[in-house]
Amino acid sequence: MELKIIEVSKNFESITALDKVSYTLKKGVYGLLGVNGAGKTTLMRILCTLLKPSSGSVTWNGHDIFAMDGKYRNLLGYLPQDFGYYPDFTVYDYLMYIASIKGLPPFVAKQRTDTLLAQVGLAKDKNKKMKKLSGGMKRRAGIAQAMLNKPQILILDEPTAGLDPNERIRFRNLISELSEERIVLLSTHIVSDIEFVANEILLMQNGQIKMSGTGEEIVCSMPEKVWNCKIPKPLVDSYLKKYKVSNIKNLHEGAELRILSANQPTEDAILETPSLEDVFLYYFGEKAGADDVQI
């Protein structure tokens, strides 16, 4: 089981969305982390054969995925950021409809639909119309449709966008449950979505994979240290201009800042344990300006 990305580039006129991306995915959960516009969706659409690369190739077990055509797509489950559905379909009818498009025999489709509805926690809501579902329930229905054909490759583009914290936690647990015996690629710009479920994390920026590894490896790779310090409010703007600040807490007597810096920013600054959010700020963030702070 090997999905191999080989020197893949994608250009849209004068814009380079992907720049010679190479990576090999095997069984497990991969988190694709980056800000909006980093190239995550473009890469995923290529892996789903919805876009062709300008150069480079993608292979599945040594075979070009575009040459494989339908044989490859039969191995694939895909949940785009905005997936389409008929609003007046019930959840059950929607899944049965998608199953027919995927070519599942009626008996198999019914069996898979019933199983997946239970797995995603929608069995009691199967007769609800899609338009009546909450955002989290719709995303769970989207996961179910992606899993109908028992895919070996499951690709999820910003699956928790717009969900409340409880639904995000439930969704992460579901992804972890579904990750056995398949490749799962999950893109997001929300660090907590992948921090606890991804076997490997890929940091993507400007169309390139800048770094990859386990969460622990990536955190340990950050050259800067994380400090916690308290400063008077009048100094906040100058600290925001000088340092990368991952958090500001308003205090009665001033402000408490979480700062990324190789050197101790104040004499009484306390060294903190870095997190993946700190790494995200280090690679993707910028020093804030005076207009960016609200205290």
C-alpha atoms as a PDB file:
ATOM      1  CA  MET A   1       0.000   0.000   0.000  1.00  0.00           C
ATOM      2  CA  GLU A   2       1.915   3.013  -1.303  1.00  0.00           C
ATOM      3  CA  LEU A   3       0.706   6.343  -2.686  1.00  0.00           C
ATOM      4  CA  LYS A   4       3.733   8.131  -4.080  1.00  0.00           C
ATOM      5  CA  ILE A   5       3.861  11.803  -5.065  1.00  0.00           C
ATOM      6  CA  ILE A   6       6.801  12.464  -7.385  1.00  0.00           C
ATOM      7  CA  GLU A   7       7.969  16.017  -8.149  1.00  0.00           C
ATOM      8  CA  VAL A   8       4.394  17.248  -8.613  1.00  0.00           C
ATOM      9  CA  SER A   9       3.901  20.864  -9.698  1.00  0.00           C
ATOM     10  CA  LYS A  10       0.707  22.672 -10.620  1.00  0.00           C
ATOM     11  CA  ASN A  11       0.532  26.071 -12.283  1.00  0.00           C
ATOM     12  CA  PHE A  12      -2.523  28.236 -12.843  1.00  0.00           C
ATOM     13  CA  GLU A  13      -1.356  30.782 -15.427  1.00  0.00           C
ATOM     14  CA  SER A  14       1.246  32.829 -13.508  1.00  0.00           C
ATOM     15  CA  ILE A  15       0.490  31.249 -10.124  1.00  0.00           C
ATOM     16  CA  THR A  16       2.408  28.220  -8.870  1.00  0.00           C
ATOM     17  CA  ALA A  17       0.048  26.347  -6.528  1.00  0.00           C
ATOM     18  CA  LEU A  18       2.383  23.336  -6.101  1.00  0.00           C
ATOM     19  CA  ASP A  19       6.135  23.397  -6.532  1.00  0.00           C
ATOM     20  CA  LYS A  20       7.843  20.014  -7.018  1.00  0.00           C
ATOM     21  CA  VAL A  21       6.088  18.232  -4.158  1.00  0.00           C
ATOM     22  CA  SER A  22       7.365  14.729  -3.366  1.00  0.00           C
ATOM     23  CA  TYR A  23       6.152  12.422  -0.612  1.00  0.00           C
ATOM     24  CA  THR A  24       5.322   8.771  -0.023  1.00  0.00           C
ATOM     25  CA  LEU A  25       2.231   7.787   1.942  1.00  0.00           C
ATOM     26  CA  LYS A  26       1.702   4.351   3.420  1.00  0.00           C
ATOM     27  CA  LYS A  27      -0.911   2.986   5.825  1.00  0.00           C
ATOM     28  CA  GLY A  28      -1.746   5.515   8.544  1.00  0.00           C
ATOM     29  CA  VAL A  29      -3.107   9.005   9.164  1.00  0.00           C
ATOM     30  CA  TYR A  30      -1.325  11.964   7.597  1.00  0.00           C
ATOM     31  CA  GLY A  31      -2.120  15.527   8.618  1.00  0.00           C
ATOM     32  CA  LEU A  32      -1.548  18.209   5.990  1.00  0.00           C
ATOM     33  CA  LEU A  33      -1.133  21.439   7.929  1.00  0.00           C
ATOM     34  CA  GLY A  34      -0.864  24.916   6.479  1.00  0.00           C
ATOM     35  CA  VAL A  35      -2.560  28.267   6.141  1.00  0.00           C
ATOM     36  CA  ASN A  36      -5.224  28.915   3.504  1.00  0.00           C
ATOM     37  CA  GLY A  37      -3.592  29.164   0.091  1.00  0.00           C
ATOM     38  CA  ALA A  38      -0.671  26.870   0.971  1.00  0.00           C
ATOM     39  CA  GLY A  39      -1.621  24.405  -1.792  1.00  0.00           C
ATOM     40  CA  LYS A  40      -3.361  21.770   0.338  1.00  0.00           C
ATOM     41  CA  THR A  41      -6.599  21.606  -1.661  1.00  0.00           C
ATOM     42  CA  THR A  42      -4.757  21.621  -4.998  1.00  0.00           C
ATOM     43  CA  LEU A  43      -2.660  18.646  -3.890  1.00  0.00           C
ATOM     44  CA  MET A  44      -5.722  16.767  -2.686  1.00  0.00           C
ATOM     45  CA  ARG A  45      -7.623  17.417  -5.915  1.00  0.00           C
ATOM     46  CA  ILE A  46      -4.666  15.987  -7.845  1.00  0.00           C
ATOM     47  CA  LEU A  47      -4.615  12.918  -5.598  1.00  0.00           C
ATOM     48  CA  CYS A  48      -8.334  12.511  -6.362  1.00  0.00           C
ATOM     49  CA  THR A  49      -7.622  12.870 -10.141  1.00  0.00           C
ATOM     50  CA  LEU A  50      -9.825  15.977 -10.281  1.00  0.00           C
ATOM     51  CA  LEU A  51      -6.831  17.989 -11.479  1.00  0.00           C
ATOM     52  CA  LYS A  52      -3.853  16.925 -13.550  1.00  0.00           C
ATOM     53  CA  PRO A  53      -0.418  18.122 -12.457  1.00  0.00           C
ATOM     54  CA  SER A  54       1.505  20.470 -14.726  1.00  0.00           C
ATOM     55  CA  SER A  55       4.499  18.213 -14.190  1.00  0.00           C
ATOM     56  CA  GLY A  56       5.446  15.212 -12.085  1.00  0.00           C
ATOM     57  CA  SER A  57       3.355  12.136 -11.346  1.00  0.00           C
ATOM     58  CA  VAL A  58       1.436  10.252  -8.667  1.00  0.00           C
ATOM     59  CA  THR A  59       1.554   6.456  -8.447  1.00  0.00           C
ATOM     60  CA  TRP A  60      -0.400   3.831  -6.516  1.00  0.00           C
ATOM     61  CA  ASN A  61       1.714   0.744  -5.882  1.00  0.00           C
ATOM     62  CA  GLY A  62       3.892   1.762  -8.821  1.00  0.00           C
ATOM     63  CA  HIS A  63       1.061   2.513 -11.292  1.00  0.00           C
ATOM     64  CA  ASP A  64       0.228   6.004 -12.519  1.00  0.00           C
ATOM     65  CA  ILE A  65      -3.129   6.988 -10.986  1.00  0.00           C
ATOM     66  CA  PHE A  66      -4.315   8.791 -14.120  1.00  0.00           C
ATOM     67  CA  ALA A  67      -3.525   5.782 -16.295  1.00  0.00           C
ATOM     68  CA  MET A  68      -5.389   3.560 -13.807  1.00  0.00           C
ATOM     69  CA  ASP A  69      -8.482   5.753 -14.278  1.00  0.00           C
ATOM     70  CA  GLY A  70     -11.571   4.090 -12.751  1.00  0.00           C
ATOM     71  CA  LYS A  71      -9.552   1.332 -11.069  1.00  0.00           C
ATOM     72  CA  TYR A  72      -7.857   3.975  -8.960  1.00  0.00           C
ATOM     73  CA  ARG A  73     -11.043   5.898  -8.180  1.00  0.00           C
ATOM     74  CA  ASN A  74     -12.628   2.679  -6.912  1.00  0.00           C
ATOM     75  CA  LEU A  75      -9.937   2.673  -4.213  1.00  0.00           C
ATOM     76  CA  LEU A  76     -10.669   6.265  -3.244  1.00  0.00           C
ATOM     77  CA  GLY A  77     -12.945   7.976  -0.710  1.00  0.00           C
ATOM     78  CA  TYR A  78     -13.089  11.770  -0.832  1.00  0.00           C
ATOM     79  CA  LEU A  79     -14.743  14.395   1.342  1.00  0.00           C
ATOM     80  CA  PRO A  80     -14.232  17.864  -0.145  1.00  0.00           C
ATOM     81  CA  GLN A  81     -14.539  20.976   1.976  1.00  0.00           C
ATOM     82  CA  ASP A  82     -17.908  21.733   0.384  1.00  0.00           C
ATOM     83  CA  PHE A  83     -19.606  18.520  -0.709  1.00  0.00           C
ATOM     84  CA  GLY A  84     -22.837  18.511  -2.685  1.00  0.00           C
ATOM     85  CA  TYR A  85     -26.088  16.868  -1.658  1.00  0.00           C
ATOM     86  CA  TYR A  86     -29.785  17.078  -2.462  1.00  0.00           C
ATOM     87  CA  PRO A  87     -31.307  18.994   0.484  1.00  0.00           C
ATOM     88  CA  ASP A  88     -34.642  17.129   0.345  1.00  0.00           C
ATOM     89  CA  PHE A  89     -33.017  13.688   0.420  1.00  0.00           C
ATOM     90  CA  THR A  90     -33.049  11.916   3.755  1.00  0.00           C
ATOM     91  CA  VAL A  91     -29.666  10.859   5.101  1.00  0.00           C
ATOM     92  CA  TYR A  92     -30.463   7.250   4.199  1.00  0.00           C
ATOM     93  CA  ASP A  93     -31.606   8.115   0.657  1.00  0.00           C
ATOM     94  CA  TYR A  94     -28.552  10.297   0.143  1.00  0.00           C
ATOM     95  CA  LEU A  95     -26.178   7.458   1.047  1.00  0.00           C
ATOM     96  CA  MET A  96     -28.092   4.957  -1.079  1.00  0.00           C
ATOM     97  CA  TYR A  97     -27.952   7.400  -3.999  1.00  0.00           C
ATOM     98  CA  ILE A  98     -24.184   7.860  -3.653  1.00  0.00           C
ATOM     99  CA  ALA A  99     -23.801   4.075  -3.350  1.00  0.00           C
ATOM    100  CA  SER A 100     -25.599   3.622  -6.682  1.00  0.00           C
ATOM    101  CA  ILE A 101     -23.272   6.168  -8.317  1.00  0.00           C
ATOM    102  CA  LYS A 102     -20.317   4.203  -6.961  1.00  0.00           C
ATOM    103  CA  GLY A 103     -21.765   1.034  -8.521  1.00  0.00           C
ATOM    104  CA  LEU A 104     -22.564  -0.875  -5.342  1.00  0.00           C
ATOM    105  CA  PRO A 105     -25.239  -3.597  -5.746  1.00  0.00           C
ATOM    106  CA  PRO A 106     -28.461  -2.702  -3.844  1.00  0.00           C
ATOM    107  CA  PHE A 107     -28.016  -5.381  -1.172  1.00  0.00           C
ATOM    108  CA  VAL A 108     -24.399  -4.351  -0.517  1.00  0.00           C
ATOM    109  CA  ALA A 109     -25.379  -0.670  -0.569  1.00  0.00           C
ATOM    110  CA  LYS A 110     -28.077  -1.202   2.062  1.00  0.00           C
ATOM    111  CA  GLN A 111     -25.734  -3.213   4.262  1.00  0.00           C
ATOM    112  CA  ARG A 112     -22.928  -0.645   4.020  1.00  0.00           C
ATOM    113  CA  THR A 113     -25.319   2.264   4.580  1.00  0.00           C
ATOM    114  CA  ASP A 114     -26.759   0.710   7.745  1.00  0.00           C
ATOM    115  CA  THR A 115     -23.290  -0.089   9.069  1.00  0.00           C
ATOM    116  CA  LEU A 116     -21.901   3.371   8.355  1.00  0.00           C
ATOM    117  CA  LEU A 117     -24.923   5.204   9.756  1.00  0.00           C
ATOM    118  CA  ALA A 118     -24.319   3.413  13.056  1.00  0.00           C
ATOM    119  CA  GLN A 119     -20.576   4.048  12.870  1.00  0.00           C
ATOM    120  CA  VAL A 120     -20.929   7.818  12.334  1.00  0.00           C
ATOM    121  CA  GLY A 121     -23.730   8.132  14.895  1.00  0.00           C
ATOM    122  CA  LEU A 122     -26.561   8.925  12.488  1.00  0.00           C
ATOM    123  CA  ALA A 123     -28.641   5.744  12.732  1.00  0.00           C
ATOM    124  CA  LYS A 124     -31.385   7.531  14.670  1.00  0.00           C
ATOM    125  CA  ASP A 125     -31.372  10.418  12.195  1.00  0.00           C
ATOM    126  CA  LYS A 126     -31.380   8.420   8.958  1.00  0.00           C
ATOM    127  CA  ASN A 127     -34.860   9.657   8.010  1.00  0.00           C
ATOM    128  CA  LYS A 128     -34.015  13.307   8.554  1.00  0.00           C
ATOM    129  CA  LYS A 129     -33.663  15.448   5.464  1.00  0.00           C
ATOM    130  CA  MET A 130     -30.125  16.582   4.731  1.00  0.00           C
ATOM    131  CA  LYS A 131     -31.152  20.237   4.937  1.00  0.00           C
ATOM    132  CA  LYS A 132     -32.287  19.696   8.530  1.00  0.00           C
ATOM    133  CA  LEU A 133     -28.921  18.397   9.752  1.00  0.00           C
ATOM    134  CA  SER A 134     -26.481  20.436  11.792  1.00  0.00           C
ATOM    135  CA  GLY A 135     -23.062  21.201  10.346  1.00  0.00           C
ATOM    136  CA  GLY A 136     -21.452  18.385  12.295  1.00  0.00           C
ATOM    137  CA  MET A 137     -24.099  15.871  11.248  1.00  0.00           C
ATOM    138  CA  LYS A 138     -23.631  16.843   7.593  1.00  0.00           C
ATOM    139  CA  ARG A 139     -19.881  16.287   7.876  1.00  0.00           C
ATOM    140  CA  ARG A 140     -20.520  12.869   9.412  1.00  0.00           C
ATOM    141  CA  ALA A 141     -22.851  12.054   6.524  1.00  0.00           C
ATOM    142  CA  GLY A 142     -20.043  13.183   4.226  1.00  0.00           C
ATOM    143  CA  ILE A 143     -17.605  10.795   5.906  1.00  0.00           C
ATOM    144  CA  ALA A 144     -20.143   7.975   5.517  1.00  0.00           C
ATOM    145  CA  GLN A 145     -20.497   8.587   1.765  1.00  0.00           C
ATOM    146  CA  ALA A 146     -16.710   8.628   1.397  1.00  0.00           C
ATOM    147  CA  MET A 147     -16.501   5.252   3.145  1.00  0.00           C
ATOM    148  CA  LEU A 148     -19.242   3.452   1.179  1.00  0.00           C
ATOM    149  CA  ASN A 149     -16.822   1.664  -1.137  1.00  0.00           C
ATOM    150  CA  LYS A 150     -14.429   0.667   1.693  1.00  0.00           C
ATOM    151  CA  PRO A 151     -11.670   2.865   0.243  1.00  0.00           C
ATOM    152  CA  GLN A 152      -7.997   2.128   0.701  1.00  0.00           C
ATOM    153  CA  ILE A 153      -7.318   5.865   0.378  1.00  0.00           C
ATOM    154  CA  LEU A 154      -9.462   8.336   2.333  1.00  0.00           C
ATOM    155  CA  ILE A 155      -8.923  12.035   1.583  1.00  0.00           C
ATOM    156  CA  LEU A 156     -10.560  14.682   3.776  1.00  0.00           C
ATOM    157  CA  ASP A 157     -10.265  18.373   2.914  1.00  0.00           C
ATOM    158  CA  GLU A 158     -10.845  20.677   5.917  1.00  0.00           C
ATOM    159  CA  PRO A 159     -13.383  18.218   7.367  1.00  0.00           C
ATOM    160  CA  THR A 160     -13.953  20.132  10.611  1.00  0.00           C
ATOM    161  CA  ALA A 161     -14.374  23.609   9.096  1.00  0.00           C
ATOM    162  CA  GLY A 162     -17.181  25.434  10.870  1.00  0.00           C
ATOM    163  CA  LEU A 163     -17.772  22.764  13.522  1.00  0.00           C
ATOM    164  CA  ASP A 164     -18.071  23.484  17.227  1.00  0.00           C
ATOM    165  CA  PRO A 165     -15.435  22.023  19.617  1.00  0.00           C
ATOM    166  CA  ASN A 166     -17.549  19.005  20.611  1.00  0.00           C
ATOM    167  CA  GLU A 167     -18.204  18.044  16.988  1.00  0.00           C
ATOM    168  CA  ARG A 168     -14.513  18.507  16.156  1.00  0.00           C
ATOM    169  CA  ILE A 169     -13.555  16.102  18.941  1.00  0.00           C
ATOM    170  CA  ARG A 170     -16.173  13.593  17.776  1.00  0.00           C
ATOM    171  CA  PHE A 171     -14.951  13.922  14.195  1.00  0.00           C
ATOM    172  CA  ARG A 172     -11.317  13.354  15.176  1.00  0.00           C
ATOM    173  CA  ASN A 173     -12.285  10.226  17.086  1.00  0.00           C
ATOM    174  CA  LEU A 174     -14.220   8.975  14.066  1.00  0.00           C
ATOM    175  CA  ILE A 175     -11.259   9.575  11.748  1.00  0.00           C
ATOM    176  CA  SER A 176      -8.999   7.663  14.117  1.00  0.00           C
ATOM    177  CA  GLU A 177     -11.486   4.776  14.160  1.00  0.00           C
ATOM    178  CA  LEU A 178     -11.685   4.686  10.357  1.00  0.00           C
ATOM    179  CA  SER A 179      -7.914   4.824   9.833  1.00  0.00           C
ATOM    180  CA  GLU A 180      -7.209   1.100  10.211  1.00  0.00           C
ATOM    181  CA  GLU A 181      -5.886  -0.651   7.094  1.00  0.00           C
ATOM    182  CA  ARG A 182      -5.960   2.434   4.881  1.00  0.00           C
ATOM    183  CA  ILE A 183      -4.220   5.695   4.055  1.00  0.00           C
ATOM    184  CA  VAL A 184      -6.001   8.727   5.500  1.00  0.00           C
ATOM    185  CA  LEU A 185      -4.917  12.202   4.384  1.00  0.00           C
ATOM    186  CA  LEU A 186      -6.496  15.037   6.344  1.00  0.00           C
ATOM    187  CA  SER A 187      -5.897  18.690   5.481  1.00  0.00           C
ATOM    188  CA  THR A 188      -6.552  21.510   7.904  1.00  0.00           C
ATOM    189  CA  HIS A 189      -5.327  24.817   9.240  1.00  0.00           C
ATOM    190  CA  ILE A 190      -6.626  23.924  12.721  1.00  0.00           C
ATOM    191  CA  VAL A 191      -3.709  22.458  14.660  1.00  0.00           C
ATOM    192  CA  SER A 192      -5.757  20.517  17.221  1.00  0.00           C
ATOM    193  CA  ASP A 193      -7.517  18.577  14.431  1.00  0.00           C
ATOM    194  CA  ILE A 194      -4.390  16.591  13.655  1.00  0.00           C
ATOM    195  CA  GLU A 195      -2.261  16.903  16.787  1.00  0.00           C
ATOM    196  CA  PHE A 196      -3.676  13.758  18.385  1.00  0.00           C
ATOM    197  CA  VAL A 197      -4.736  11.618  15.395  1.00  0.00           C
ATOM    198  CA  ALA A 198      -2.001  11.984  12.764  1.00  0.00           C
ATOM    199  CA  ASN A 199       0.854   9.483  12.591  1.00  0.00           C
ATOM    200  CA  GLU A 200       2.768  11.978  10.474  1.00  0.00           C
ATOM    201  CA  ILE A 201       2.296  15.706   9.969  1.00  0.00           C
ATOM    202  CA  LEU A 202       3.235  17.529   6.776  1.00  0.00           C
ATOM    203  CA  LEU A 203       3.806  21.277   7.071  1.00  0.00           C
ATOM    204  CA  MET A 204       2.872  22.912   3.766  1.00  0.00           C
ATOM    205  CA  GLN A 205       3.758  26.436   2.733  1.00  0.00           C
ATOM    206  CA  ASN A 206       3.807  28.224  -0.635  1.00  0.00           C
ATOM    207  CA  GLY A 207       3.082  25.021  -2.538  1.00  0.00           C
ATOM    208  CA  GLN A 208       5.856  23.012  -0.897  1.00  0.00           C
ATOM    209  CA  ILE A 209       6.134  20.525   1.951  1.00  0.00           C
ATOM    210  CA  LYS A 210       8.522  22.373   4.254  1.00  0.00           C
ATOM    211  CA  MET A 211       8.794  19.692   6.929  1.00  0.00           C
ATOM    212  CA  SER A 212       7.314  16.347   7.896  1.00  0.00           C
ATOM    213  CA  GLY A 213       7.447  13.898  10.771  1.00  0.00           C
ATOM    214  CA  THR A 214       5.618  12.916  13.921  1.00  0.00           C
ATOM    215  CA  GLY A 215       4.179  15.679  16.067  1.00  0.00           C
ATOM    216  CA  GLU A 216       6.995  15.191  18.572  1.00  0.00           C
ATOM    217  CA  GLU A 217       9.676  15.335  15.866  1.00  0.00           C
ATOM    218  CA  ILE A 218       8.256  18.531  14.408  1.00  0.00           C
ATOM    219  CA  VAL A 219       7.978  20.205  17.816  1.00  0.00           C
ATOM    220  CA  CYS A 220      11.575  19.229  18.623  1.00  0.00           C
ATOM    221  CA  SER A 221      12.754  20.642  15.290  1.00  0.00           C
ATOM    222  CA  MET A 222      11.752  24.206  16.159  1.00  0.00           C
ATOM    223  CA  PRO A 223      14.975  26.160  16.832  1.00  0.00           C
ATOM    224  CA  GLU A 224      13.312  28.853  18.929  1.00  0.00           C
ATOM    225  CA  LYS A 225      12.266  28.452  22.558  1.00  0.00           C
ATOM    226  CA  VAL A 226       8.893  29.280  24.094  1.00  0.00           C
ATOM    227  CA  TRP A 227       8.714  31.784  26.942  1.00  0.00           C
ATOM    228  CA  ASN A 228       5.991  33.033  29.237  1.00  0.00           C
ATOM    229  CA  CYS A 229       6.412  36.561  30.526  1.00  0.00           C
ATOM    230  CA  LYS A 230       4.398  39.371  32.090  1.00  0.00           C
ATOM    231  CA  ILE A 231       4.821  42.919  30.836  1.00  0.00           C
ATOM    232  CA  PRO A 232       3.138  46.298  31.350  1.00  0.00           C
ATOM    233  CA  LYS A 233       0.345  47.056  28.855  1.00  0.00           C
ATOM    234  CA  PRO A 234       2.137  50.036  27.265  1.00  0.00           C
ATOM    235  CA  LEU A 235       4.933  47.661  26.110  1.00  0.00           C
ATOM    236  CA  VAL A 236       2.662  45.141  24.378  1.00  0.00           C
ATOM    237  CA  ASP A 237       2.830  46.792  20.948  1.00  0.00           C
ATOM    238  CA  SER A 238       6.628  46.857  20.937  1.00  0.00           C
ATOM    239  CA  TYR A 239       6.803  43.170  21.947  1.00  0.00           C
ATOM    240  CA  LEU A 240       4.373  42.237  19.172  1.00  0.00           C
ATOM    241  CA  LYS A 241       6.594  43.989  16.637  1.00  0.00           C
ATOM    242  CA  LYS A 242       9.786  42.410  17.977  1.00  0.00           C
ATOM    243  CA  TYR A 243       8.645  38.806  18.666  1.00  0.00           C
ATOM    244  CA  LYS A 244       6.307  36.113  17.442  1.00  0.00           C
ATOM    245  CA  VAL A 245       3.599  36.008  20.106  1.00  0.00           C
ATOM    246  CA  SER A 246       1.352  32.937  20.173  1.00  0.00           C
ATOM    247  CA  ASN A 247      -0.917  34.080  22.979  1.00  0.00           C
ATOM    248  CA  ILE A 248      -1.817  37.219  24.922  1.00  0.00           C
ATOM    249  CA  LYS A 249      -3.687  37.119  28.207  1.00  0.00           C
ATOM    250  CA  ASN A 250      -5.049  40.338  29.613  1.00  0.00           C
ATOM    251  CA  LEU A 251      -4.223  40.809  33.306  1.00  0.00           C
ATOM    252  CA  HIS A 252      -5.308  43.512  35.733  1.00  0.00           C
ATOM    253  CA  GLU A 253      -1.734  44.667  36.192  1.00  0.00           C
ATOM    254  CA  GLY A 254      -0.572  44.146  32.583  1.00  0.00           C
ATOM    255  CA  ALA A 255      -0.420  41.354  30.018  1.00  0.00           C
ATOM    256  CA  GLU A 256       0.912  37.803  29.944  1.00  0.00           C
ATOM    257  CA  LEU A 257       2.598  36.859  26.650  1.00  0.00           C
ATOM    258  CA  ARG A 258       3.629  33.503  25.201  1.00  0.00           C
ATOM    259  CA  ILE A 259       6.655  34.352  23.070  1.00  0.00           C
ATOM    260  CA  LEU A 260       8.780  32.408  20.571  1.00  0.00           C
ATOM    261  CA  SER A 261      12.387  33.525  20.817  1.00  0.00           C
ATOM    262  CA  ALA A 262      15.872  32.015  20.831  1.00  0.00           C
ATOM    263  CA  ASN A 263      16.773  34.399  23.646  1.00  0.00           C
ATOM    264  CA  GLN A 264      15.001  35.159  26.912  1.00  0.00           C
ATOM    265  CA  PRO A 265      12.750  38.179  26.184  1.00  0.00           C
ATOM    266  CA  THR A 266      12.653  39.440  29.804  1.00  0.00           C
ATOM    267  CA  GLU A 267      14.691  38.673  32.893  1.00  0.00           C
ATOM    268  CA  ASP A 268      11.766  36.956  34.609  1.00  0.00           C
ATOM    269  CA  ALA A 269      10.497  35.088  31.514  1.00  0.00           C
ATOM    270  CA  ILE A 270       9.754  31.410  32.242  1.00  0.00           C
ATOM    271  CA  LEU A 271      10.678  28.667  29.774  1.00  0.00           C
ATOM    272  CA  GLU A 272       7.612  26.714  28.575  1.00  0.00           C
ATOM    273  CA  THR A 273       7.147  23.363  26.823  1.00  0.00           C
ATOM    274  CA  PRO A 274       6.546  24.048  23.104  1.00  0.00           C
ATOM    275  CA  SER A 275       3.390  22.806  21.380  1.00  0.00           C
ATOM    276  CA  LEU A 276       2.411  22.140  17.789  1.00  0.00           C
ATOM    277  CA  GLU A 277       0.582  25.483  17.786  1.00  0.00           C
ATOM    278  CA  ASP A 278       3.884  27.179  18.609  1.00  0.00           C
ATOM    279  CA  VAL A 279       5.492  25.367  15.671  1.00  0.00           C
ATOM    280  CA  PHE A 280       2.640  26.494  13.413  1.00  0.00           C
ATOM    281  CA  LEU A 281       3.278  30.090  14.447  1.00  0.00           C
ATOM    282  CA  TYR A 282       7.028  29.716  13.963  1.00  0.00           C
ATOM    283  CA  TYR A 283       6.740  28.439  10.392  1.00  0.00           C
ATOM    284  CA  PHE A 284       3.597  30.229   9.223  1.00  0.00           C
ATOM    285  CA  GLY A 285       3.147  33.255  11.482  1.00  0.00           C
ATOM    286  CA  GLU A 286       4.547  36.741  11.381  1.00  0.00           C
ATOM    287  CA  LYS A 287       5.256  39.344  14.000  1.00  0.00           C
ATOM    288  CA  ALA A 288       2.098  41.297  14.637  1.00  0.00           C
ATOM    289  CA  GLY A 289       1.775  45.000  14.070  1.00  0.00           C
ATOM    290  CA  ALA A 290       0.338  47.535  16.479  1.00  0.00           C
ATOM    291  CA  ASP A 291      -3.075  47.290  14.810  1.00  0.00           C
ATOM    292  CA  ASP A 292      -3.325  43.514  15.312  1.00  0.00           C
ATOM    293  CA  VAL A 293      -3.543  43.433  19.086  1.00  0.00           C
ATOM    294  CA  GLN A 294      -6.710  43.596  21.136  1.00  0.00           C
ATOM    295  CA  ILE A 295      -6.381  43.735  24.909  1.00  0.00           C
END
